[in-house]
N, C-alpha and C. Protein backbone atom coordinates (compact mmCIF):
# COMPACT_ATOMS: atom_id res chain seq x y z
N UNK A 1 2.93 -10.05 -6.32
CA UNK A 1 4.36 -9.28 -7.26
C UNK A 1 4.72 -8.03 -6.90
N UNK A 2 6.29 -8.85 -6.32
CA UNK A 2 6.97 -6.67 -6.45
C UNK A 2 7.35 -5.96 -7.22
N UNK A 3 7.47 -5.47 -6.69
CA UNK A 3 7.55 -3.77 -8.01
C UNK A 3 9.32 -3.13 -8.03
N UNK A 4 10.53 -3.29 -8.32
CA UNK A 4 11.26 -3.31 -8.68
C UNK A 4 11.76 -1.21 -7.61
N UNK A 5 12.92 -1.68 -6.97
CA UNK A 5 13.11 -0.64 -5.93
C UNK A 5 13.41 0.79 -7.13
N UNK A 6 13.44 0.80 -8.11
CA UNK A 6 13.45 2.77 -8.79
C UNK A 6 12.35 2.52 -8.95
N UNK A 7 11.43 1.67 -9.66
CA UNK A 7 10.33 2.19 -9.67
C UNK A 7 9.23 2.61 -8.58
N UNK A 8 9.19 1.52 -7.48
CA UNK A 8 8.42 1.99 -6.25
C UNK A 8 8.60 3.58 -5.62
N UNK A 9 10.51 3.76 -5.95
CA UNK A 9 10.55 5.08 -5.45
C UNK A 9 10.16 6.11 -6.85
N UNK A 10 9.80 5.57 -7.85
CA UNK A 10 9.63 6.88 -9.20
C UNK A 10 8.08 7.13 -8.78
N UNK A 11 7.07 6.55 -7.94
CA UNK A 11 5.80 5.97 -8.14
C UNK A 11 5.68 6.68 -6.80
N UNK A 12 6.32 6.08 -5.36
CA UNK A 12 6.33 6.86 -4.76
C UNK A 12 6.65 8.60 -4.56
N UNK A 13 7.23 9.13 -5.58
CA UNK A 13 8.18 10.26 -5.24
C UNK A 13 6.69 10.88 -6.40
N UNK A 14 5.70 10.22 -7.29
CA UNK A 14 5.21 11.22 -7.94
C UNK A 14 4.17 11.06 -7.45
N UNK A 15 3.32 10.34 -6.53
CA UNK A 15 2.58 10.52 -5.74
C UNK A 15 2.91 11.72 -4.91
N UNK A 16 4.37 11.91 -3.95
CA UNK A 16 3.90 13.57 -3.05
C UNK A 16 4.32 14.19 -3.68
N UNK A 17 4.51 14.26 -4.64
CA UNK A 17 4.45 14.98 -6.16
C UNK A 17 2.54 16.03 -6.14
N UNK A 18 2.61 14.49 -6.89
CA UNK A 18 0.69 15.26 -7.40
C UNK A 18 -0.59 15.76 -5.63
N UNK A 19 0.10 14.71 -4.54
CA UNK A 19 -0.68 15.23 -3.62
C UNK A 19 0.16 16.58 -3.18
N UNK A 20 0.49 17.26 -2.93
CA UNK A 20 1.26 18.50 -2.50
C UNK A 20 1.14 19.82 -3.03
N UNK A 21 0.87 19.06 -4.96
CA UNK A 21 0.36 19.87 -5.81
C UNK A 21 -1.69 20.22 -5.44
N UNK A 22 -2.07 19.29 -5.41
CA UNK A 22 -3.68 19.20 -5.20
C UNK A 22 -4.19 19.93 -4.21
N UNK A 23 -3.20 19.62 -3.38
CA UNK A 23 -3.56 20.17 -1.69
C UNK A 23 -3.47 21.18 -1.64
N UNK A 24 -2.32 22.38 -2.31
CA UNK A 24 -1.70 23.18 -3.17
C UNK A 24 -3.39 24.19 -3.33
N UNK A 25 -3.64 23.43 -4.25
CA UNK A 25 -4.90 23.91 -5.06
C UNK A 25 -5.93 24.34 -4.25
N UNK A 26 -6.59 22.96 -3.59
CA UNK A 26 -7.51 23.38 -2.31
C UNK A 26 -7.16 23.99 -1.65
N UNK A 27 -6.19 23.71 -0.34
CA UNK A 27 -6.49 23.69 0.69
C UNK A 27 -5.11 25.14 0.66
N UNK A 28 -6.19 26.44 -0.18
CA UNK A 28 -5.08 27.82 0.17
C UNK A 28 -5.48 28.73 1.55
N UNK A 29 -4.16 29.52 1.44
CA UNK A 29 -4.84 30.29 3.56
C UNK A 29 -5.79 30.97 2.58
N UNK A 30 -6.42 31.20 3.65
CA UNK A 30 -7.73 32.38 3.90
C UNK A 30 -7.31 34.02 3.13
N UNK A 31 -8.14 34.42 2.30
CA UNK A 31 -7.79 35.81 2.94
C UNK A 31 -6.97 37.38 3.56
N UNK A 32 -7.15 36.71 4.64
CA UNK A 32 -6.52 36.78 5.83
C UNK A 32 -5.24 36.92 5.64
N UNK A 33 -5.23 35.76 5.81
CA UNK A 33 -3.58 34.81 6.42
C UNK A 33 -2.90 35.65 5.05
N UNK A 34 -3.01 35.34 4.49
CA UNK A 34 -2.42 36.22 2.74
C UNK A 34 -2.54 37.81 3.05
N UNK A 35 -3.46 38.59 3.40
CA UNK A 35 -2.90 39.41 3.80
C UNK A 35 -1.82 40.01 4.88
N UNK A 36 -1.94 39.60 5.93
CA UNK A 36 -0.96 39.66 7.30
C UNK A 36 0.02 38.90 6.92
N UNK A 37 0.46 37.58 7.05
CA UNK A 37 1.87 36.86 6.16
C UNK A 37 2.40 36.33 4.73
N UNK A 38 1.14 37.05 4.25
CA UNK A 38 1.60 36.94 2.34
C UNK A 38 1.63 35.65 1.90
N UNK A 39 1.77 35.22 0.84
CA UNK A 39 2.18 33.79 0.74
C UNK A 39 3.73 33.42 -0.07
N UNK A 40 3.64 32.92 1.83
CA UNK A 40 4.98 32.16 1.71
C UNK A 40 5.28 30.86 1.14
N UNK A 41 4.06 30.24 1.51
CA UNK A 41 3.79 28.31 1.07
C UNK A 41 3.87 29.04 -0.65
N UNK A 42 4.36 28.40 -1.43
CA UNK A 42 4.56 28.27 -2.11
C UNK A 42 4.52 26.43 -2.97
N UNK A 43 4.05 26.00 -4.30
CA UNK A 43 3.26 25.10 -4.45
C UNK A 43 4.86 23.98 -4.51
N UNK A 44 5.83 24.50 -4.74
CA UNK A 44 7.44 23.86 -4.19
C UNK A 44 7.41 23.53 -2.74
N UNK A 45 7.16 24.43 -2.09
CA UNK A 45 7.48 23.56 -0.51
C UNK A 45 5.73 22.18 -0.42
N UNK A 46 4.85 22.24 -0.87
CA UNK A 46 3.33 21.44 -0.93
C UNK A 46 4.14 20.10 -1.01
N UNK A 47 4.99 20.35 -2.49
CA UNK A 47 4.98 19.52 -3.45
C UNK A 47 6.46 18.57 -2.38
N UNK A 48 7.48 19.01 -1.98
CA UNK A 48 8.41 18.68 -1.57
C UNK A 48 7.71 17.97 0.44
N UNK A 49 6.83 18.99 0.88
CA UNK A 49 6.47 18.04 1.87
C UNK A 49 5.18 16.90 1.68
N UNK A 50 4.85 16.86 0.17
CA UNK A 50 4.42 16.19 0.24
C UNK A 50 4.98 14.85 -0.16
N UNK A 51 6.68 14.79 -0.52
CA UNK A 51 7.14 13.73 -0.71
C UNK A 51 7.24 12.70 0.39
N UNK A 52 7.28 13.77 1.04
CA UNK A 52 8.33 13.47 2.69
C UNK A 52 6.89 12.69 3.08
N UNK A 53 5.68 13.06 3.17
CA UNK A 53 5.00 12.31 3.57
C UNK A 53 4.74 10.79 3.13
N UNK A 54 4.65 11.05 1.95
CA UNK A 54 4.34 9.53 1.10
C UNK A 54 5.33 8.69 1.71
N UNK A 55 7.03 9.37 1.43
CA UNK A 55 7.97 8.33 1.89
C UNK A 55 7.99 7.69 3.64
N UNK A 56 7.43 8.96 4.17
CA UNK A 56 6.73 8.29 5.47
C UNK A 56 5.26 7.28 5.47
N UNK A 57 4.32 7.65 4.69
CA UNK A 57 3.72 6.88 4.60
C UNK A 57 4.13 5.05 3.92
N UNK A 58 4.73 4.90 3.18
CA UNK A 58 5.50 3.93 2.24
C UNK A 58 6.11 3.13 3.21
N UNK A 59 6.80 3.95 4.00
CA UNK A 59 7.64 2.88 4.83
C UNK A 59 7.44 2.50 6.37
N UNK A 60 6.51 3.70 6.54
CA UNK A 60 5.14 3.07 8.10
C UNK A 60 4.49 1.80 7.37
N UNK A 61 4.02 1.93 6.51
CA UNK A 61 3.22 0.41 5.99
C UNK A 61 3.90 -0.69 5.76
N UNK A 62 5.07 -0.62 5.19
CA UNK A 62 6.22 -1.55 4.81
C UNK A 62 6.48 -1.67 6.29
N UNK A 63 6.92 -1.46 6.79
CA UNK A 63 7.82 -1.13 8.84
C UNK A 63 6.68 -2.84 9.57
N UNK A 64 4.91 -1.97 8.96
CA UNK A 64 4.04 -2.88 10.37
C UNK A 64 2.99 -3.89 9.11
N UNK A 65 4.12 -4.36 8.18
CA UNK A 65 4.17 -5.12 7.35
C UNK A 65 2.44 -5.30 6.71
N UNK A 66 2.25 -3.90 6.05
CA UNK A 66 0.74 -4.70 6.50
C UNK A 66 0.06 -5.14 4.92
N UNK A 67 -0.80 -6.29 5.17
CA UNK A 67 -1.25 -7.79 3.89
C UNK A 67 -1.25 -6.83 3.07
N UNK A 68 -2.08 -7.58 1.75
CA UNK A 68 -2.44 -6.76 0.12
C UNK A 68 -1.39 -5.97 -0.69
N UNK A 69 -0.42 -6.03 -0.45
CA UNK A 69 0.63 -6.30 -1.60
C UNK A 69 1.48 -4.65 -1.97
N UNK A 70 1.82 -4.68 -2.93
CA UNK A 70 2.05 -3.07 -3.57
C UNK A 70 0.61 -2.31 -3.47
N UNK A 71 -0.56 -2.91 -3.10
CA UNK A 71 -1.39 -1.10 -3.27
C UNK A 71 -1.43 -1.22 -2.22
N UNK A 72 -1.68 -1.65 -1.23
CA UNK A 72 -1.86 -1.23 0.38
C UNK A 72 -0.66 -0.46 0.31
N UNK A 73 0.72 -0.02 -0.12
CA UNK A 73 2.11 0.29 0.05
C UNK A 73 1.75 1.54 -0.25
N UNK A 74 0.82 1.33 -1.85
CA UNK A 74 0.73 2.77 -2.59
C UNK A 74 -0.37 3.75 -2.18
N UNK A 75 -1.93 2.86 -1.41
CA UNK A 75 -2.42 3.61 -1.08
C UNK A 75 -1.38 4.47 0.60
N UNK A 76 -0.97 3.74 1.49
CA UNK A 76 -1.08 4.11 2.60
C UNK A 76 0.65 5.52 2.12
N UNK A 77 1.16 5.54 0.94
CA UNK A 77 2.07 6.77 0.86
C UNK A 77 0.88 7.62 0.12
N UNK A 78 -0.25 7.53 -0.27
CA UNK A 78 -0.69 8.68 -0.88
C UNK A 78 -1.63 9.16 0.66
N UNK A 79 -2.22 8.24 1.80
CA UNK A 79 -2.56 8.67 2.85
C UNK A 79 -1.08 9.44 4.17
N UNK A 80 -0.53 9.02 3.78
CA UNK A 80 1.14 9.81 4.73
C UNK A 80 0.82 11.55 3.74
N UNK A 81 1.09 10.97 2.67
CA UNK A 81 1.24 12.67 1.53
C UNK A 81 0.09 13.66 2.52
N UNK A 82 -0.73 12.83 2.16
CA UNK A 82 -2.12 13.92 2.86
C UNK A 82 -2.16 13.96 4.55
N UNK A 83 -1.57 13.46 4.97
CA UNK A 83 -1.60 13.69 7.19
C UNK A 83 -0.86 14.87 7.27
N UNK A 84 0.67 14.41 6.54
CA UNK A 84 1.89 15.57 7.07
C UNK A 84 1.43 16.71 6.20
N UNK A 85 0.94 16.34 5.54
CA UNK A 85 0.32 17.61 4.47
C UNK A 85 -0.64 18.34 5.04
N UNK A 86 -1.57 17.73 6.41
CA UNK A 86 -2.88 18.90 6.51
C UNK A 86 -1.96 19.53 8.34
N UNK A 87 -0.73 18.46 8.34
CA UNK A 87 -0.04 18.66 10.11
C UNK A 87 0.91 20.04 9.70
N UNK A 88 1.24 19.74 8.15
CA UNK A 88 1.70 21.45 8.17
C UNK A 88 1.16 22.02 7.84
N UNK A 89 -0.32 22.42 7.41
CA UNK A 89 -0.79 23.00 7.41
C UNK A 89 -1.09 23.96 8.57
N UNK A 90 -1.84 23.26 9.57
CA UNK A 90 -2.00 23.00 10.75
C UNK A 90 -0.89 23.82 11.97
N UNK A 91 0.40 22.93 11.44
CA UNK A 91 2.04 24.29 12.47
C UNK A 91 1.80 25.20 12.18
N UNK A 92 1.82 25.10 10.59
CA UNK A 92 2.13 26.79 10.39
C UNK A 92 1.37 27.55 10.29
């Protein structure tokens, strides 16, 4: 079953936003980091980074032609969002 490109775009967008917002709630900076650097990371930034990660994960899975249909592509979008968000936190 193939999804419509518009539907796929919206699904991947929502996955990225949700991953970014959940990551913002779960992986907050520590007390000392907030005292020194302030709260420069906002929910919007995490949502945007999550969207970027979801699109990266989705397109990497599509390029690698992973079997399993659209479900594997959606799961890889979620994994891509989490990985990019984690890398964003480590680098920042």
